Amino acid sequence: MKSIYQKLAALLAAGAAGGSALAQVQDLPGGPGVRQLNLHEAVTRIAAEQAWLHWFMLITCIVIFLLVFSVMFYSIWKHRRSKGAKPANFHESVTVEVIWTAIPFLIVIIMALPATKVLVAAKDTSNADLTIKATGYQWRWGYDYLNGEGAGISFLSSLDATHRQMSDEGAKGQMPNDYLLKVDNPLVVPVGKKVRIITTANDVIHAWGVPAFGVKQDAIPGFVRDTWFRAERVGDFYGQCYELCGKEHAYMPIHVKVVSNGDYAAWVEAEQKKMAARMDDPNKVWELADITARGEKVYAANCAACHQANGKGAGPIKALDGSPIVTAADKTPAIEIVLNGKGAMPAWKQLSDTDIAAVISYTKNAWGNKTGQVVQPAEVQAIRAK
């Protein structure tokens, strides 16, 4: 995972400068460990089976390697020319042909049987207690609870803003153990329940995976893939996007929070209340101060990573401060770009009409863009319906 390499590089740099970060960093339960050589500790049956297969295949290959090279080097040493050995002269041997065909065939069968069993089990997503769609965006994950307890809950999960700031500043000093793995909204699931994850993407190919669960599945635009897991204990478990998806690839972590069934029911109730509170009337007419205050929060959570907090952009990311599209009296182009995307700008249709109106109103009045214009949710709703 790219962020682990960045973390290690930053730690080594701190150590070279005389810092103590390398000595202080600790393992992250459910995530990467210091000097970790083996697979992640398994918390699902599939992951445990995969770990067993890993060692079974490795030991089998080592034994074959030692046997083959032992015979080869023994033959070279025992029958070397300096000892007067003379090569045998024979045309063919049916017995040898049968032996060196049959033995590898049996080895392949012995290795294939348990591997096939685990692979088939890993692909069996039937009879799930909970179905969640994970959608990859540049660069965050969107989660929609489709079936089971909590159906209808939907939210975005992005890298925690403080961790992005640490990365932008060069990750100086002691970093938290979950550096570049902390998110604002973790995926919450109940312990002991079969959770089906349906993966897709909105822009480019991503991949959803959590090593401790033994799952990794590509998320491809226009296609649907699925995988599943059943966590056997509560805790926090981490992964990342496993497909190189652009310049922010390292800032697309996955955090799955496994909780007890009682805690999950309480979380579902709380999220449903939050969603009900966010169900704004699209016909409400907002005042400038109120909608820009909301837009500032939306911008910080979703836009500042690329356009920067000061609106200046960077590289191919265009500046919003002073942008002709943002400051224009005609609001339609700005709304269409946020809704549908353009160039490096992804589509943000997953945001509500009010949030889109709020963030555009904020950009029209932040920094040097003192236009005094307000975009109302009804305007966004009308363009979305086209």
Protein backbone atom coordinates (compact mmCIF):
# COMPACT_ATOMS: atom_id res chain seq x y z
CA MET A 1 0.00 0.00 0.00
CA LYS A 2 1.43 3.29 -1.08
CA SER A 3 0.71 5.12 2.16
CA ILE A 4 2.75 2.57 4.11
CA TYR A 5 5.75 3.31 1.90
CA GLN A 6 5.22 7.03 2.47
CA LYS A 7 4.93 6.43 6.19
CA LEU A 8 8.14 4.41 6.24
CA ALA A 9 9.99 7.00 4.17
CA ALA A 10 8.85 9.78 6.51
CA LEU A 11 9.89 7.76 9.56
CA LEU A 12 13.32 7.03 8.11
CA ALA A 13 13.76 10.69 7.27
CA ALA A 14 12.81 11.68 10.80
CA GLY A 15 15.26 9.13 12.20
CA ALA A 16 18.05 10.39 9.97
CA ALA A 17 17.41 13.90 11.25
CA GLY A 18 17.88 12.74 14.81
CA GLY A 19 14.17 12.37 15.63
CA SER A 20 12.69 9.54 17.65
CA ALA A 21 9.62 8.87 15.47
CA LEU A 22 10.98 5.56 14.20
CA ALA A 23 11.41 4.26 17.72
CA GLN A 24 8.03 5.54 18.88
CA VAL A 25 5.78 4.30 16.09
CA GLN A 26 3.72 1.27 17.05
CA ASP A 27 1.65 -1.41 15.37
CA LEU A 28 -1.85 -0.39 14.31
CA PRO A 29 -4.36 -3.05 15.44
CA GLY A 30 -6.30 -4.11 12.36
CA GLY A 31 -3.79 -2.35 10.11
CA PRO A 32 -0.08 -2.38 9.25
CA GLY A 33 2.52 -3.42 11.81
CA VAL A 34 6.10 -2.37 12.43
CA ARG A 35 8.50 -4.79 10.68
CA GLN A 36 5.54 -6.90 9.60
CA LEU A 37 6.63 -9.85 7.46
CA ASN A 38 3.64 -12.18 7.61
CA LEU A 39 0.07 -11.64 6.40
CA HIS A 40 -2.31 -9.57 8.50
CA GLU A 41 -3.85 -11.31 11.47
CA ALA A 42 -7.03 -12.94 10.18
CA VAL A 43 -10.41 -11.93 11.60
CA THR A 44 -12.51 -13.92 9.12
CA ARG A 45 -12.59 -17.62 8.30
CA ILE A 46 -11.65 -16.89 4.68
CA ALA A 47 -8.60 -14.88 5.73
CA ALA A 48 -7.50 -17.70 8.05
CA GLU A 49 -7.85 -20.22 5.21
CA GLN A 50 -5.86 -17.94 2.92
CA ALA A 51 -3.08 -17.71 5.53
CA TRP A 52 -3.03 -21.52 5.82
CA LEU A 53 -2.86 -21.83 2.03
CA HIS A 54 -0.03 -19.31 1.92
CA TRP A 55 2.12 -21.36 4.28
CA PHE A 56 1.07 -24.69 2.74
CA MET A 57 2.07 -23.53 -0.75
CA LEU A 58 5.28 -21.91 0.49
CA ILE A 59 6.42 -24.98 2.42
CA THR A 60 5.48 -27.27 -0.46
CA CYS A 61 7.49 -25.20 -2.91
CA ILE A 62 10.47 -25.05 -0.55
CA VAL A 63 10.43 -28.84 -0.09
CA ILE A 64 10.25 -29.37 -3.87
CA PHE A 65 13.06 -26.86 -4.37
CA LEU A 66 15.29 -28.56 -1.82
CA LEU A 67 14.63 -32.05 -3.18
CA VAL A 68 15.18 -31.11 -6.83
CA PHE A 69 18.33 -29.07 -6.25
CA SER A 70 19.71 -31.63 -3.78
CA VAL A 71 19.41 -34.38 -6.38
CA MET A 72 20.81 -32.10 -9.06
CA PHE A 73 23.85 -30.98 -7.06
CA TYR A 74 24.45 -34.50 -5.76
CA SER A 75 24.43 -35.82 -9.32
CA ILE A 76 26.80 -33.08 -10.48
CA TRP A 77 29.19 -33.72 -7.61
CA LYS A 78 29.02 -37.52 -7.61
CA HIS A 79 29.29 -37.98 -11.34
CA ARG A 80 31.82 -35.28 -12.22
CA ARG A 81 34.40 -35.89 -14.90
CA SER A 82 37.35 -35.49 -12.53
CA LYS A 83 36.26 -38.70 -10.79
CA GLY A 84 36.16 -40.54 -14.11
CA ALA A 85 32.40 -40.70 -14.37
CA LYS A 86 31.11 -41.48 -17.82
CA PRO A 87 27.63 -40.45 -19.00
CA ALA A 88 25.08 -43.16 -19.58
CA ASN A 89 23.99 -43.65 -23.15
CA PHE A 90 20.31 -44.46 -23.52
CA HIS A 91 17.62 -43.25 -25.89
CA GLU A 92 14.52 -43.11 -23.70
CA SER A 93 12.92 -44.59 -20.60
CA VAL A 94 9.17 -45.02 -20.37
CA THR A 95 9.45 -45.47 -16.60
CA VAL A 96 11.21 -42.13 -16.12
CA GLU A 97 8.74 -40.38 -18.44
CA VAL A 98 5.80 -41.70 -16.42
CA ILE A 99 7.38 -40.82 -13.06
CA TRP A 100 8.29 -37.23 -13.91
CA THR A 101 4.82 -36.69 -15.39
CA ALA A 102 2.81 -38.37 -12.65
CA ILE A 103 4.57 -36.81 -9.65
CA PRO A 104 4.13 -33.14 -10.74
CA PHE A 105 0.53 -33.92 -11.70
CA LEU A 106 -0.18 -35.29 -8.23
CA ILE A 107 1.53 -32.29 -6.62
CA VAL A 108 -0.62 -29.89 -8.65
CA ILE A 109 -3.80 -31.76 -7.65
CA ILE A 110 -2.81 -31.73 -3.97
CA MET A 111 -2.21 -27.97 -4.14
CA ALA A 112 -5.26 -27.20 -6.28
CA LEU A 113 -7.89 -28.94 -4.16
CA PRO A 114 -7.64 -26.76 -1.01
CA ALA A 115 -7.06 -23.63 -3.10
CA THR A 116 -10.21 -24.28 -5.14
CA LYS A 117 -12.22 -24.88 -1.99
CA VAL A 118 -11.19 -21.51 -0.52
CA LEU A 119 -11.68 -19.69 -3.83
CA VAL A 120 -15.21 -21.04 -4.26
CA ALA A 121 -16.08 -20.09 -0.66
CA ALA A 122 -14.64 -16.60 -1.14
CA LYS A 123 -16.91 -16.04 -4.16
CA ASP A 124 -20.11 -17.32 -2.53
CA THR A 125 -21.94 -14.08 -1.72
CA SER A 126 -25.36 -15.70 -1.32
CA ASN A 127 -27.52 -15.43 1.82
CA ALA A 128 -25.90 -12.22 3.02
CA ASP A 129 -27.26 -10.56 6.16
CA LEU A 130 -26.22 -7.13 4.95
CA THR A 131 -25.51 -5.78 1.45
CA ILE A 132 -23.46 -2.61 1.00
CA LYS A 133 -22.45 -0.92 -2.24
CA ALA A 134 -18.94 0.58 -2.19
CA THR A 135 -18.42 3.16 -4.94
CA GLY A 136 -14.94 4.45 -5.70
CA TYR A 137 -14.54 8.15 -6.41
CA GLN A 138 -11.43 10.21 -7.00
CA TRP A 139 -10.52 10.07 -4.15
CA ARG A 140 -12.90 8.71 -1.54
CA TRP A 141 -15.39 5.90 -1.03
CA GLY A 142 -19.16 6.14 -1.08
CA TYR A 143 -21.19 3.58 0.89
CA ASP A 144 -24.84 2.73 0.32
CA TYR A 145 -26.56 0.20 2.59
CA LEU A 146 -28.86 -1.65 0.20
CA ASN A 147 -30.31 -4.60 2.14
CA GLY A 148 -30.52 -5.71 5.74
CA GLU A 149 -30.57 -3.65 8.89
CA GLY A 150 -29.66 -0.08 8.02
CA ALA A 151 -30.93 -0.21 4.43
CA GLY A 152 -31.15 3.32 3.04
CA ILE A 153 -28.13 4.71 4.91
CA SER A 154 -25.68 6.43 2.58
CA PHE A 155 -22.54 8.48 3.15
CA LEU A 156 -19.08 9.36 1.82
CA SER A 157 -15.88 8.26 3.54
CA SER A 158 -12.84 10.51 3.05
CA LEU A 159 -9.36 10.79 4.49
CA ASP A 160 -9.34 12.78 7.71
CA ALA A 161 -8.47 16.40 6.93
CA THR A 162 -5.80 16.60 9.66
CA HIS A 163 -3.91 13.65 8.13
CA ARG A 164 -3.97 15.26 4.71
CA GLN A 165 -2.60 18.41 6.26
CA MET A 166 0.20 16.42 7.93
CA SER A 167 1.08 14.89 4.58
CA ASP A 168 1.07 18.28 2.83
CA GLU A 169 3.43 19.62 5.49
CA GLY A 170 5.86 16.74 5.04
CA ALA A 171 4.72 14.50 7.91
CA LYS A 172 7.08 16.13 10.37
CA GLY A 173 7.62 14.83 13.89
CA GLN A 174 5.75 11.97 15.52
CA MET A 175 2.89 10.68 13.38
CA PRO A 176 -0.17 8.78 14.63
CA ASN A 177 -0.18 5.01 14.12
CA ASP A 178 -3.13 5.33 11.73
CA TYR A 179 -1.36 7.92 9.56
CA LEU A 180 -3.19 8.25 6.21
CA LEU A 181 -5.67 5.55 7.31
CA LYS A 182 -8.05 7.65 9.42
CA VAL A 183 -11.35 8.61 7.77
CA ASP A 184 -14.20 10.90 8.69
CA ASN A 185 -16.92 8.26 8.27
CA PRO A 186 -15.88 4.61 8.72
CA LEU A 187 -17.93 1.76 7.32
CA VAL A 188 -19.80 0.25 10.29
CA VAL A 189 -20.89 -3.43 10.24
CA PRO A 190 -22.11 -5.90 12.89
CA VAL A 191 -19.90 -8.72 14.16
CA GLY A 192 -20.72 -12.27 13.12
CA LYS A 193 -22.92 -11.22 10.18
CA LYS A 194 -22.28 -12.02 6.53
CA VAL A 195 -21.66 -8.71 4.77
CA ARG A 196 -21.80 -8.59 0.98
CA ILE A 197 -19.83 -5.76 -0.61
CA ILE A 198 -20.86 -4.71 -4.12
CA THR A 199 -18.13 -2.67 -5.80
CA THR A 200 -18.29 -0.19 -8.66
CA ALA A 201 -16.69 3.15 -9.50
CA ASN A 202 -17.75 6.56 -10.70
CA ASP A 203 -14.68 7.60 -12.70
CA VAL A 204 -11.65 5.28 -12.99
CA ILE A 205 -10.81 1.78 -11.77
CA HIS A 206 -10.42 1.49 -8.00
CA ALA A 207 -10.20 -1.60 -5.77
CA TRP A 208 -11.77 -2.19 -2.35
CA GLY A 209 -9.95 -4.44 0.07
CA VAL A 210 -9.19 -5.12 3.74
CA PRO A 211 -6.27 -7.54 4.34
CA ALA A 212 -7.54 -8.70 7.75
CA PHE A 213 -10.77 -9.84 6.07
CA GLY A 214 -9.00 -11.55 3.17
CA VAL A 215 -10.98 -9.55 0.60
CA LYS A 216 -9.95 -7.41 -2.37
CA GLN A 217 -12.25 -6.62 -5.28
CA ASP A 218 -11.84 -4.28 -8.24
CA ALA A 219 -14.31 -1.41 -8.55
CA ILE A 220 -14.80 -0.75 -12.27
CA PRO A 221 -16.91 2.07 -13.80
CA GLY A 222 -20.02 0.65 -15.46
CA PHE A 223 -19.56 -2.81 -13.94
CA VAL A 224 -20.61 -4.46 -10.70
CA ARG A 225 -18.40 -6.91 -8.78
CA ASP A 226 -18.96 -8.36 -5.32
CA THR A 227 -17.19 -9.99 -2.41
CA TRP A 228 -18.08 -10.76 1.20
CA PHE A 229 -16.75 -11.15 4.73
CA ARG A 230 -17.94 -12.17 8.17
CA ALA A 231 -15.85 -10.57 10.92
CA GLU A 232 -15.45 -12.81 13.96
CA ARG A 233 -14.55 -10.09 16.43
CA VAL A 234 -15.17 -6.40 17.01
CA GLY A 235 -12.53 -3.80 16.27
CA ASP A 236 -11.20 -1.38 13.66
CA PHE A 237 -9.74 -2.78 10.46
CA TYR A 238 -8.02 -0.92 7.66
CA GLY A 239 -7.33 -1.17 3.97
CA GLN A 240 -6.82 1.10 0.98
CA CYS A 241 -7.64 1.48 -2.67
CA TYR A 242 -5.51 -1.22 -4.30
CA GLU A 243 -5.63 0.13 -7.85
CA LEU A 244 -3.50 3.07 -8.96
CA CYS A 245 -6.28 5.58 -9.55
CA GLY A 246 -4.53 8.94 -9.90
CA LYS A 247 -2.48 11.45 -7.97
CA GLU A 248 -4.54 11.12 -4.76
CA HIS A 249 -4.37 7.31 -4.72
CA ALA A 250 -2.47 7.30 -1.42
CA TYR A 251 -5.24 9.33 0.22
CA MET A 252 -8.09 6.85 -0.29
CA PRO A 253 -8.12 4.66 2.82
CA ILE A 254 -10.73 2.15 3.96
CA HIS A 255 -11.75 1.91 7.60
CA VAL A 256 -14.22 -0.78 8.63
CA LYS A 257 -15.54 -0.59 12.17
CA VAL A 258 -16.92 -3.93 13.41
CA VAL A 259 -19.25 -3.49 16.38
CA SER A 260 -21.57 -5.64 18.47
CA ASN A 261 -25.12 -6.20 17.24
CA GLY A 262 -26.50 -3.90 19.92
CA ASP A 263 -24.06 -1.11 19.05
CA TYR A 264 -24.82 -1.57 15.36
CA ALA A 265 -28.56 -1.17 15.97
CA ALA A 266 -27.86 2.02 17.93
CA TRP A 267 -25.60 3.32 15.13
CA VAL A 268 -28.28 2.61 12.53
CA GLU A 269 -30.86 4.53 14.54
CA ALA A 270 -28.50 7.49 14.96
CA GLU A 271 -27.62 7.56 11.25
CA GLN A 272 -31.26 7.41 10.23
CA LYS A 273 -31.96 10.41 12.46
CA LYS A 274 -29.05 12.28 10.87
CA MET A 275 -30.32 11.49 7.38
CA ALA A 276 -33.81 12.69 8.30
CA ALA A 277 -32.33 15.92 9.61
CA ARG A 278 -30.40 16.41 6.36
CA MET A 279 -33.52 16.02 4.21
CA ASP A 280 -33.72 19.69 3.34
CA ASP A 281 -36.67 21.18 1.52
CA PRO A 282 -35.32 21.86 -2.01
CA ASN A 283 -37.71 24.80 -2.28
CA LYS A 284 -36.31 26.53 0.79
CA VAL A 285 -34.83 29.94 0.03
CA TRP A 286 -31.52 30.39 1.85
CA GLU A 287 -29.88 33.57 3.05
CA LEU A 288 -26.28 34.22 1.96
CA ALA A 289 -24.72 33.89 5.43
CA ASP A 290 -26.45 30.59 6.22
CA ILE A 291 -25.78 28.85 2.92
CA THR A 292 -22.12 29.91 2.71
CA ALA A 293 -21.52 28.68 6.26
CA ARG A 294 -22.84 25.28 5.22
CA GLY A 295 -20.92 25.45 1.95
CA GLU A 296 -17.65 26.06 3.79
CA LYS A 297 -18.06 22.72 5.58
CA VAL A 298 -18.91 20.91 2.34
CA TYR A 299 -15.89 22.49 0.64
CA ALA A 300 -13.52 21.49 3.46
CA ALA A 301 -14.75 17.89 3.40
CA ASN A 302 -14.82 17.35 -0.36
CA CYS A 303 -13.06 20.07 -2.36
CA ALA A 304 -10.14 21.46 -0.37
CA ALA A 305 -7.94 18.39 -0.98
CA CYS A 306 -7.62 19.32 -4.67
CA HIS A 307 -8.49 23.02 -4.94
CA GLN A 308 -6.72 23.83 -1.63
CA ALA A 309 -8.27 25.67 1.30
CA ASN A 310 -7.30 29.00 -0.30
CA GLY A 311 -8.99 28.13 -3.61
CA LYS A 312 -5.76 28.53 -5.59
CA GLY A 313 -5.68 25.00 -7.07
CA ALA A 314 -2.45 23.24 -8.00
CA GLY A 315 -1.02 21.87 -11.24
CA PRO A 316 -3.89 20.68 -13.46
CA ILE A 317 -6.42 21.58 -10.75
CA LYS A 318 -7.81 24.96 -11.70
CA ALA A 319 -8.06 27.78 -9.19
CA LEU A 320 -11.52 28.76 -7.95
CA ASP A 321 -10.37 32.10 -6.59
CA GLY A 322 -10.93 34.49 -9.49
CA SER A 323 -12.32 31.80 -11.81
CA PRO A 324 -14.52 33.30 -14.55
CA ILE A 325 -16.94 30.37 -14.27
CA VAL A 326 -17.30 30.79 -10.51
CA THR A 327 -17.71 34.56 -10.59
CA ALA A 328 -19.98 34.69 -13.66
CA ALA A 329 -23.52 35.97 -13.24
CA ASP A 330 -24.81 32.87 -15.06
CA LYS A 331 -24.81 30.13 -12.43
CA THR A 332 -25.61 27.26 -14.81
CA PRO A 333 -22.03 26.39 -15.94
CA ALA A 334 -20.77 26.14 -12.35
CA ILE A 335 -23.72 23.93 -11.32
CA GLU A 336 -23.28 21.67 -14.36
CA ILE A 337 -19.56 21.18 -13.71
CA VAL A 338 -20.11 20.25 -10.06
CA LEU A 339 -22.97 17.91 -10.97
CA ASN A 340 -21.46 16.21 -14.02
CA GLY A 341 -17.73 16.83 -13.75
CA LYS A 342 -15.38 18.08 -16.44
CA GLY A 343 -11.78 17.10 -17.22
CA ALA A 344 -9.99 16.33 -13.95
CA MET A 345 -13.06 17.46 -12.00
CA PRO A 346 -15.17 14.42 -10.94
CA ALA A 347 -18.95 14.46 -10.85
CA TRP A 348 -20.53 15.19 -7.46
CA LYS A 349 -24.06 13.93 -8.07
CA GLN A 350 -23.89 12.02 -4.80
CA LEU A 351 -24.15 15.32 -2.89
CA SER A 352 -27.61 16.68 -2.12
CA ASP A 353 -29.04 19.63 -4.01
CA THR A 354 -28.64 21.79 -0.91
CA ASP A 355 -24.99 20.80 -0.41
CA ILE A 356 -24.17 21.54 -4.06
CA ALA A 357 -25.94 24.87 -3.86
CA ALA A 358 -24.13 25.64 -0.62
CA VAL A 359 -20.63 24.83 -1.87
CA ILE A 360 -21.11 26.83 -5.09
CA SER A 361 -22.48 29.75 -3.10
CA TYR A 362 -19.44 29.49 -0.82
CA THR A 363 -16.97 29.55 -3.72
CA LYS A 364 -18.78 32.53 -5.24
CA ASN A 365 -18.26 34.51 -2.04
CA ALA A 366 -15.00 33.17 -0.56
CA TRP A 367 -11.46 34.53 -0.96
CA GLY A 368 -11.56 37.31 -3.58
CA ASN A 369 -14.84 36.15 -5.10
CA LYS A 370 -17.13 38.63 -3.37
CA THR A 371 -20.00 38.29 -5.84
CA GLY A 372 -22.86 38.35 -3.35
CA GLN A 373 -24.58 35.64 -5.42
CA VAL A 374 -26.57 32.81 -3.85
CA VAL A 375 -27.31 29.50 -5.56
CA GLN A 376 -30.57 28.02 -4.30
CA PRO A 377 -31.22 24.23 -4.06
CA ALA A 378 -34.15 24.57 -6.48
CA GLU A 379 -31.74 25.79 -9.18
CA VAL A 380 -29.56 22.71 -8.71
CA GLN A 381 -32.61 20.45 -8.70
CA ALA A 382 -33.82 21.89 -12.01
CA ILE A 383 -30.46 21.29 -13.74
CA ARG A 384 -30.13 17.80 -12.23
CA ALA A 385 -33.55 16.88 -13.63
CA LYS A 386 -32.55 17.77 -17.22
